[in-house]
């Protein structure tokens, strides 16, 4: 494991979007794990939702939440003063933990294994030291 994140439902500090019949979501594109977490959690409890904003930019998604346009799944450390964490009190379902892992190809030659492991340690240390999203640009 390289790192783990703490995904939370993020809503605007002012207003209540969670009380709507269909949850308005701000999300990243299809390959984002947080998008998958949000959809999976809402569909598991049969909670209707719709995408009102989609972007490749974490900052744009955050701004959509801050401005009261949508709810999103963000890492807890990315919550700003204009946001609040949503949970059971707002009828939002729990989210699974999210991890980033590095997998080695099964056919790595024995001679290459020490170099691959050293690279994995370096990558983990760099990401842990600087924070996962700041070092790689976003989820």
N, C-alpha and C. Protein backbone atom coordinates (compact mmCIF):
# COMPACT_ATOMS: atom_id res chain seq x y z
N UNK A 1 0.84 -1.17 0.00
CA UNK A 1 0.00 0.00 0.00
C UNK A 1 0.88 1.24 0.00
N UNK A 2 0.58 2.19 -0.88
CA UNK A 2 1.32 3.44 -0.92
C UNK A 2 0.74 4.45 0.08
N UNK A 3 -0.58 4.58 0.10
CA UNK A 3 -1.25 5.44 1.04
C UNK A 3 -2.73 5.08 1.06
N UNK A 4 -3.43 5.60 2.06
CA UNK A 4 -4.88 5.46 2.09
C UNK A 4 -5.47 6.86 2.22
N UNK A 5 -6.70 6.98 1.81
CA UNK A 5 -7.38 8.25 1.89
C UNK A 5 -8.58 8.12 2.82
N UNK A 6 -9.16 9.23 3.17
CA UNK A 6 -10.34 9.27 4.02
C UNK A 6 -11.47 9.95 3.27
N UNK A 7 -12.14 9.20 2.38
CA UNK A 7 -13.22 9.82 1.61
C UNK A 7 -14.43 10.15 2.48
N UNK A 8 -14.98 11.34 2.26
CA UNK A 8 -16.17 11.78 2.97
C UNK A 8 -17.12 12.45 1.98
N UNK A 9 -18.39 12.48 2.36
CA UNK A 9 -19.36 13.26 1.59
C UNK A 9 -19.13 14.72 1.95
N UNK A 10 -18.96 15.55 0.96
CA UNK A 10 -18.74 16.98 1.17
C UNK A 10 -19.92 17.76 0.61
N UNK A 11 -20.47 18.61 1.42
CA UNK A 11 -21.57 19.48 1.00
C UNK A 11 -21.22 20.91 1.32
N UNK A 12 -21.98 21.84 0.79
CA UNK A 12 -21.71 23.25 1.10
C UNK A 12 -22.03 23.54 2.56
N UNK A 13 -21.30 24.45 3.15
CA UNK A 13 -21.55 24.84 4.55
C UNK A 13 -22.96 25.40 4.70
N UNK A 14 -23.42 26.16 3.71
CA UNK A 14 -24.75 26.78 3.75
C UNK A 14 -25.67 26.03 2.78
N UNK A 15 -26.86 25.71 3.25
CA UNK A 15 -27.84 25.02 2.40
C UNK A 15 -27.82 23.53 2.65
N UNK A 16 -28.89 22.87 2.19
CA UNK A 16 -29.02 21.43 2.40
C UNK A 16 -29.39 20.75 1.09
N UNK A 17 -28.38 20.29 0.38
CA UNK A 17 -28.61 19.58 -0.87
C UNK A 17 -28.95 18.11 -0.64
N UNK A 18 -28.64 17.60 0.55
CA UNK A 18 -28.87 16.17 0.81
C UNK A 18 -30.35 15.85 0.98
N UNK A 19 -31.18 16.86 1.22
CA UNK A 19 -32.61 16.63 1.39
C UNK A 19 -33.39 16.58 0.09
N UNK A 20 -32.74 16.75 -1.01
CA UNK A 20 -33.44 16.73 -2.31
C UNK A 20 -33.81 15.30 -2.70
N UNK A 21 -34.85 15.16 -3.52
CA UNK A 21 -35.25 13.81 -3.94
C UNK A 21 -34.15 13.07 -4.71
N UNK A 22 -33.35 13.80 -5.49
CA UNK A 22 -32.20 13.22 -6.20
C UNK A 22 -30.96 14.01 -5.80
N UNK A 23 -29.95 13.30 -5.33
CA UNK A 23 -28.72 13.96 -4.85
C UNK A 23 -27.97 14.56 -6.05
N UNK A 24 -27.70 15.86 -6.04
CA UNK A 24 -26.90 16.47 -7.11
C UNK A 24 -25.42 16.25 -6.83
N UNK A 25 -24.73 15.59 -7.74
CA UNK A 25 -23.32 15.25 -7.53
C UNK A 25 -22.39 16.03 -8.44
N UNK A 26 -21.25 16.42 -7.88
CA UNK A 26 -20.11 16.94 -8.63
C UNK A 26 -19.07 15.84 -8.59
N UNK A 27 -18.60 15.41 -9.76
CA UNK A 27 -17.71 14.25 -9.81
C UNK A 27 -16.60 14.44 -10.83
N UNK A 28 -15.62 13.59 -10.68
CA UNK A 28 -14.58 13.48 -11.70
C UNK A 28 -15.07 12.57 -12.81
N UNK A 29 -14.24 12.37 -13.80
CA UNK A 29 -14.63 11.52 -14.92
C UNK A 29 -14.75 10.06 -14.51
N UNK A 30 -15.16 9.23 -15.44
CA UNK A 30 -15.53 7.84 -15.19
C UNK A 30 -14.46 7.01 -14.48
N UNK A 31 -13.19 7.24 -14.72
CA UNK A 31 -12.15 6.39 -14.13
C UNK A 31 -11.73 6.81 -12.71
N UNK A 32 -12.40 7.77 -12.11
CA UNK A 32 -12.05 8.24 -10.76
C UNK A 32 -12.61 7.30 -9.70
N UNK A 33 -11.76 6.82 -8.78
CA UNK A 33 -12.27 5.92 -7.74
C UNK A 33 -13.29 6.59 -6.81
N UNK A 34 -13.18 7.90 -6.58
CA UNK A 34 -14.15 8.56 -5.72
C UNK A 34 -15.52 8.64 -6.40
N UNK A 35 -15.53 8.78 -7.70
CA UNK A 35 -16.81 8.75 -8.43
C UNK A 35 -17.47 7.40 -8.23
N UNK A 36 -16.67 6.33 -8.38
CA UNK A 36 -17.19 4.98 -8.20
C UNK A 36 -17.70 4.77 -6.78
N UNK A 37 -16.97 5.29 -5.77
CA UNK A 37 -17.42 5.18 -4.38
C UNK A 37 -18.77 5.84 -4.17
N UNK A 38 -18.94 7.04 -4.71
CA UNK A 38 -20.18 7.79 -4.54
C UNK A 38 -21.36 7.04 -5.16
N UNK A 39 -21.19 6.63 -6.39
CA UNK A 39 -22.28 5.95 -7.10
C UNK A 39 -22.63 4.63 -6.42
N UNK A 40 -21.60 3.86 -6.07
CA UNK A 40 -21.82 2.57 -5.42
C UNK A 40 -22.57 2.74 -4.09
N UNK A 41 -22.16 3.71 -3.29
CA UNK A 41 -22.78 3.93 -1.98
C UNK A 41 -24.24 4.36 -2.12
N UNK A 42 -24.52 5.27 -3.05
CA UNK A 42 -25.89 5.74 -3.23
C UNK A 42 -26.79 4.65 -3.82
N UNK A 43 -26.27 3.92 -4.79
CA UNK A 43 -27.08 2.87 -5.41
C UNK A 43 -27.32 1.71 -4.45
N UNK A 44 -26.39 1.47 -3.52
CA UNK A 44 -26.55 0.39 -2.55
C UNK A 44 -27.75 0.62 -1.63
N UNK A 45 -28.08 1.89 -1.40
CA UNK A 45 -29.23 2.19 -0.54
C UNK A 45 -30.44 2.66 -1.36
N UNK A 46 -30.32 2.59 -2.69
CA UNK A 46 -31.43 2.99 -3.55
C UNK A 46 -31.71 4.48 -3.55
N UNK A 47 -30.68 5.28 -3.29
CA UNK A 47 -30.83 6.74 -3.24
C UNK A 47 -30.62 7.33 -4.63
N UNK A 48 -31.64 7.97 -5.21
CA UNK A 48 -31.49 8.57 -6.55
C UNK A 48 -30.46 9.71 -6.55
N UNK A 49 -29.74 9.84 -7.65
CA UNK A 49 -28.73 10.87 -7.79
C UNK A 49 -28.67 11.29 -9.26
N UNK A 50 -28.04 12.41 -9.50
CA UNK A 50 -27.75 12.83 -10.88
C UNK A 50 -26.50 13.71 -10.87
N UNK A 51 -25.74 13.59 -11.93
CA UNK A 51 -24.52 14.39 -12.06
C UNK A 51 -24.91 15.79 -12.54
N UNK A 52 -24.53 16.80 -11.77
CA UNK A 52 -24.78 18.18 -12.18
C UNK A 52 -23.50 18.86 -12.63
N UNK A 53 -22.36 18.22 -12.31
CA UNK A 53 -21.08 18.81 -12.68
C UNK A 53 -20.05 17.70 -12.77
N UNK A 54 -19.28 17.69 -13.85
CA UNK A 54 -18.20 16.73 -14.03
C UNK A 54 -16.97 17.48 -14.51
N UNK A 55 -15.82 17.18 -13.91
CA UNK A 55 -14.59 17.86 -14.28
C UNK A 55 -13.38 16.98 -13.98
N UNK A 56 -12.31 17.20 -14.72
CA UNK A 56 -11.04 16.54 -14.42
C UNK A 56 -10.27 17.29 -13.34
N UNK A 57 -10.74 18.46 -12.96
CA UNK A 57 -10.04 19.31 -12.00
C UNK A 57 -10.62 19.15 -10.60
N UNK A 58 -9.79 18.75 -9.64
CA UNK A 58 -10.23 18.65 -8.25
C UNK A 58 -10.66 20.02 -7.73
N UNK A 59 -10.01 21.06 -8.17
CA UNK A 59 -10.34 22.41 -7.72
C UNK A 59 -11.72 22.83 -8.23
N UNK A 60 -12.07 22.45 -9.44
CA UNK A 60 -13.39 22.77 -9.98
C UNK A 60 -14.48 22.01 -9.24
N UNK A 61 -14.23 20.74 -8.93
CA UNK A 61 -15.20 19.95 -8.16
C UNK A 61 -15.38 20.57 -6.77
N UNK A 62 -14.29 20.93 -6.13
CA UNK A 62 -14.37 21.58 -4.82
C UNK A 62 -15.17 22.88 -4.90
N UNK A 63 -14.93 23.67 -5.92
CA UNK A 63 -15.63 24.94 -6.06
C UNK A 63 -17.13 24.72 -6.26
N UNK A 64 -17.51 23.67 -7.00
CA UNK A 64 -18.93 23.35 -7.19
C UNK A 64 -19.60 23.04 -5.85
N UNK A 65 -18.88 22.36 -4.97
CA UNK A 65 -19.41 22.07 -3.63
C UNK A 65 -19.49 23.36 -2.82
N UNK A 66 -18.41 24.13 -2.79
CA UNK A 66 -18.38 25.37 -2.01
C UNK A 66 -19.49 26.34 -2.41
N UNK A 67 -19.79 26.40 -3.70
CA UNK A 67 -20.79 27.34 -4.21
C UNK A 67 -22.23 26.82 -4.03
N UNK A 68 -22.37 25.62 -3.50
CA UNK A 68 -23.71 25.10 -3.23
C UNK A 68 -24.39 24.46 -4.43
N UNK A 69 -23.60 24.08 -5.45
CA UNK A 69 -24.18 23.46 -6.64
C UNK A 69 -24.38 21.96 -6.49
N UNK A 70 -23.53 21.33 -5.66
CA UNK A 70 -23.56 19.88 -5.62
C UNK A 70 -22.89 19.35 -4.34
N UNK A 71 -23.06 18.04 -4.15
CA UNK A 71 -22.38 17.26 -3.12
C UNK A 71 -21.33 16.44 -3.86
N UNK A 72 -20.23 16.14 -3.20
CA UNK A 72 -19.21 15.32 -3.82
C UNK A 72 -18.55 14.43 -2.77
N UNK A 73 -17.73 13.51 -3.24
CA UNK A 73 -16.86 12.73 -2.35
C UNK A 73 -15.47 13.31 -2.50
N UNK A 74 -14.92 13.75 -1.37
CA UNK A 74 -13.57 14.33 -1.34
C UNK A 74 -12.81 13.68 -0.19
N UNK A 75 -11.51 13.79 -0.24
CA UNK A 75 -10.72 13.36 0.91
C UNK A 75 -10.97 14.35 2.03
N UNK A 76 -11.10 13.84 3.25
CA UNK A 76 -11.41 14.70 4.40
C UNK A 76 -10.46 15.89 4.50
N UNK A 77 -9.18 15.70 4.20
CA UNK A 77 -8.22 16.81 4.33
C UNK A 77 -8.44 17.91 3.30
N UNK A 78 -9.28 17.68 2.30
CA UNK A 78 -9.54 18.69 1.29
C UNK A 78 -10.76 19.55 1.62
N UNK A 79 -11.47 19.23 2.70
CA UNK A 79 -12.62 20.06 3.08
C UNK A 79 -12.15 21.46 3.42
N UNK A 80 -12.86 22.44 2.94
CA UNK A 80 -12.53 23.84 3.22
C UNK A 80 -13.55 24.42 4.19
N UNK A 81 -13.34 25.65 4.60
CA UNK A 81 -14.27 26.32 5.50
C UNK A 81 -15.64 26.55 4.89
N UNK A 82 -15.74 26.48 3.57
CA UNK A 82 -17.03 26.67 2.89
C UNK A 82 -17.76 25.35 2.69
N UNK A 83 -17.20 24.25 3.25
CA UNK A 83 -17.81 22.93 3.11
C UNK A 83 -18.09 22.35 4.49
N UNK A 84 -18.89 21.30 4.49
CA UNK A 84 -19.10 20.53 5.70
C UNK A 84 -19.21 19.06 5.33
N UNK A 85 -18.80 18.22 6.26
CA UNK A 85 -18.90 16.79 6.05
C UNK A 85 -20.34 16.34 6.29
N UNK A 86 -20.85 15.52 5.38
CA UNK A 86 -22.20 14.99 5.51
C UNK A 86 -22.12 13.52 5.92
N UNK A 87 -23.13 13.06 6.60
CA UNK A 87 -23.13 11.67 7.05
C UNK A 87 -24.52 11.15 7.32
N UNK A 88 -24.65 10.25 8.29
CA UNK A 88 -25.95 9.63 8.59
C UNK A 88 -27.05 10.64 8.94
N UNK A 89 -26.70 11.74 9.59
CA UNK A 89 -27.71 12.74 9.96
C UNK A 89 -28.38 13.35 8.72
N UNK A 90 -27.66 13.34 7.60
CA UNK A 90 -28.20 13.86 6.34
C UNK A 90 -28.63 12.72 5.41
N UNK A 91 -28.75 11.51 5.97
CA UNK A 91 -29.13 10.32 5.20
C UNK A 91 -28.15 9.98 4.08
N UNK A 92 -26.87 10.29 4.30
CA UNK A 92 -25.85 9.93 3.33
C UNK A 92 -25.22 8.61 3.76
N UNK A 93 -25.04 7.69 2.83
CA UNK A 93 -24.52 6.36 3.18
C UNK A 93 -23.03 6.38 3.50
N UNK A 94 -22.57 5.37 4.24
CA UNK A 94 -21.13 5.30 4.52
C UNK A 94 -20.34 5.05 3.23
N UNK A 95 -19.08 5.48 3.25
CA UNK A 95 -18.19 5.29 2.11
C UNK A 95 -17.10 4.30 2.48
N UNK A 96 -16.69 3.50 1.53
CA UNK A 96 -15.60 2.56 1.76
C UNK A 96 -14.27 3.31 1.81
N UNK A 97 -13.32 2.71 2.48
CA UNK A 97 -11.95 3.25 2.53
C UNK A 97 -11.32 3.10 1.14
N UNK A 98 -10.45 3.99 0.81
CA UNK A 98 -9.81 3.97 -0.50
C UNK A 98 -8.29 3.88 -0.30
N UNK A 99 -7.65 2.98 -1.01
CA UNK A 99 -6.21 2.79 -0.91
C UNK A 99 -5.57 2.86 -2.28
N UNK A 100 -4.34 3.34 -2.29
CA UNK A 100 -3.53 3.29 -3.51
C UNK A 100 -2.46 2.23 -3.27
N UNK A 101 -2.38 1.29 -4.17
CA UNK A 101 -1.41 0.19 -4.03
C UNK A 101 -0.56 0.10 -5.28
N UNK A 102 0.65 -0.37 -5.08
CA UNK A 102 1.56 -0.62 -6.19
C UNK A 102 1.68 -2.13 -6.33
N UNK A 103 1.41 -2.63 -7.52
CA UNK A 103 1.49 -4.07 -7.78
C UNK A 103 2.66 -4.34 -8.72
N UNK A 104 3.40 -5.38 -8.42
CA UNK A 104 4.51 -5.79 -9.25
C UNK A 104 4.07 -6.89 -10.21
N UNK A 105 4.60 -6.86 -11.41
CA UNK A 105 4.33 -7.93 -12.37
C UNK A 105 4.91 -9.23 -11.81
N UNK A 106 4.19 -10.33 -11.96
CA UNK A 106 4.66 -11.59 -11.37
C UNK A 106 5.98 -12.09 -11.98
N UNK A 107 6.31 -11.63 -13.15
CA UNK A 107 7.50 -12.15 -13.82
C UNK A 107 8.74 -11.26 -13.65
N UNK A 108 8.77 -10.38 -12.65
CA UNK A 108 9.96 -9.56 -12.41
C UNK A 108 11.12 -10.49 -12.07
N UNK A 109 12.21 -10.31 -12.77
CA UNK A 109 13.38 -11.15 -12.55
C UNK A 109 13.94 -10.90 -11.15
N UNK A 110 14.50 -11.92 -10.56
CA UNK A 110 15.06 -11.81 -9.21
C UNK A 110 16.07 -10.68 -9.12
N UNK A 111 16.85 -10.46 -10.18
CA UNK A 111 17.86 -9.40 -10.18
C UNK A 111 17.21 -8.02 -10.15
N UNK A 112 16.02 -7.88 -10.68
CA UNK A 112 15.32 -6.59 -10.73
C UNK A 112 14.50 -6.31 -9.48
N UNK A 113 14.22 -7.32 -8.69
CA UNK A 113 13.35 -7.17 -7.52
C UNK A 113 13.85 -6.11 -6.54
N UNK A 114 15.14 -6.08 -6.16
CA UNK A 114 15.59 -5.04 -5.21
C UNK A 114 15.39 -3.62 -5.75
N UNK A 115 15.63 -3.42 -7.04
CA UNK A 115 15.45 -2.09 -7.62
C UNK A 115 13.97 -1.70 -7.62
N UNK A 116 13.10 -2.66 -7.94
CA UNK A 116 11.67 -2.39 -7.95
C UNK A 116 11.17 -2.06 -6.55
N UNK A 117 11.65 -2.79 -5.55
CA UNK A 117 11.25 -2.52 -4.17
C UNK A 117 11.77 -1.17 -3.69
N UNK A 118 12.98 -0.81 -4.09
CA UNK A 118 13.54 0.50 -3.72
C UNK A 118 12.71 1.62 -4.35
N UNK A 119 12.30 1.43 -5.59
CA UNK A 119 11.47 2.43 -6.26
C UNK A 119 10.11 2.55 -5.57
N UNK A 120 9.55 1.44 -5.15
CA UNK A 120 8.27 1.47 -4.43
C UNK A 120 8.40 2.24 -3.11
N UNK A 121 9.50 2.01 -2.37
CA UNK A 121 9.73 2.75 -1.11
C UNK A 121 9.88 4.25 -1.38
N UNK A 122 10.63 4.59 -2.40
CA UNK A 122 10.83 6.00 -2.75
C UNK A 122 9.49 6.65 -3.09
N UNK A 123 8.69 5.98 -3.90
CA UNK A 123 7.39 6.50 -4.29
C UNK A 123 6.49 6.67 -3.08
N UNK A 124 6.43 5.66 -2.21
CA UNK A 124 5.60 5.73 -1.00
C UNK A 124 6.06 6.87 -0.11
N UNK A 125 7.38 6.99 0.10
CA UNK A 125 7.91 8.06 0.95
C UNK A 125 7.58 9.44 0.38
N UNK A 126 7.73 9.60 -0.90
CA UNK A 126 7.45 10.89 -1.54
C UNK A 126 5.98 11.25 -1.42
N UNK A 127 5.12 10.30 -1.69
CA UNK A 127 3.69 10.58 -1.62
C UNK A 127 3.24 10.81 -0.19
N UNK A 128 3.76 10.07 0.74
CA UNK A 128 3.39 10.22 2.14
C UNK A 128 3.90 11.54 2.68
N UNK A 129 5.11 11.90 2.32
CA UNK A 129 5.71 13.15 2.82
C UNK A 129 4.98 14.38 2.31
N UNK A 130 4.60 14.40 1.06
CA UNK A 130 4.00 15.59 0.46
C UNK A 130 2.49 15.54 0.45
N UNK A 131 1.87 14.42 0.78
CA UNK A 131 0.42 14.29 0.71
C UNK A 131 0.07 13.71 -0.63
N UNK A 132 -0.78 12.72 -0.69
CA UNK A 132 -1.03 12.00 -1.93
C UNK A 132 -1.54 12.84 -3.08
N UNK A 133 -2.49 13.74 -2.83
CA UNK A 133 -3.07 14.45 -3.97
C UNK A 133 -2.18 15.62 -4.40
N UNK A 134 -1.51 16.24 -3.47
CA UNK A 134 -0.66 17.35 -3.86
C UNK A 134 0.52 16.87 -4.71
N UNK A 135 0.99 15.66 -4.48
CA UNK A 135 2.15 15.23 -5.23
C UNK A 135 1.83 14.70 -6.61
N UNK A 136 0.61 14.22 -6.81
CA UNK A 136 0.28 13.67 -8.12
C UNK A 136 -0.75 14.48 -8.86
N UNK A 137 -1.28 15.54 -8.29
CA UNK A 137 -2.14 16.44 -9.03
C UNK A 137 -3.63 16.20 -8.87
N UNK A 138 -4.07 15.17 -8.22
CA UNK A 138 -5.50 14.96 -8.02
C UNK A 138 -5.84 13.50 -8.05
N UNK A 139 -7.07 13.17 -7.64
CA UNK A 139 -7.47 11.78 -7.62
C UNK A 139 -7.69 11.23 -9.01
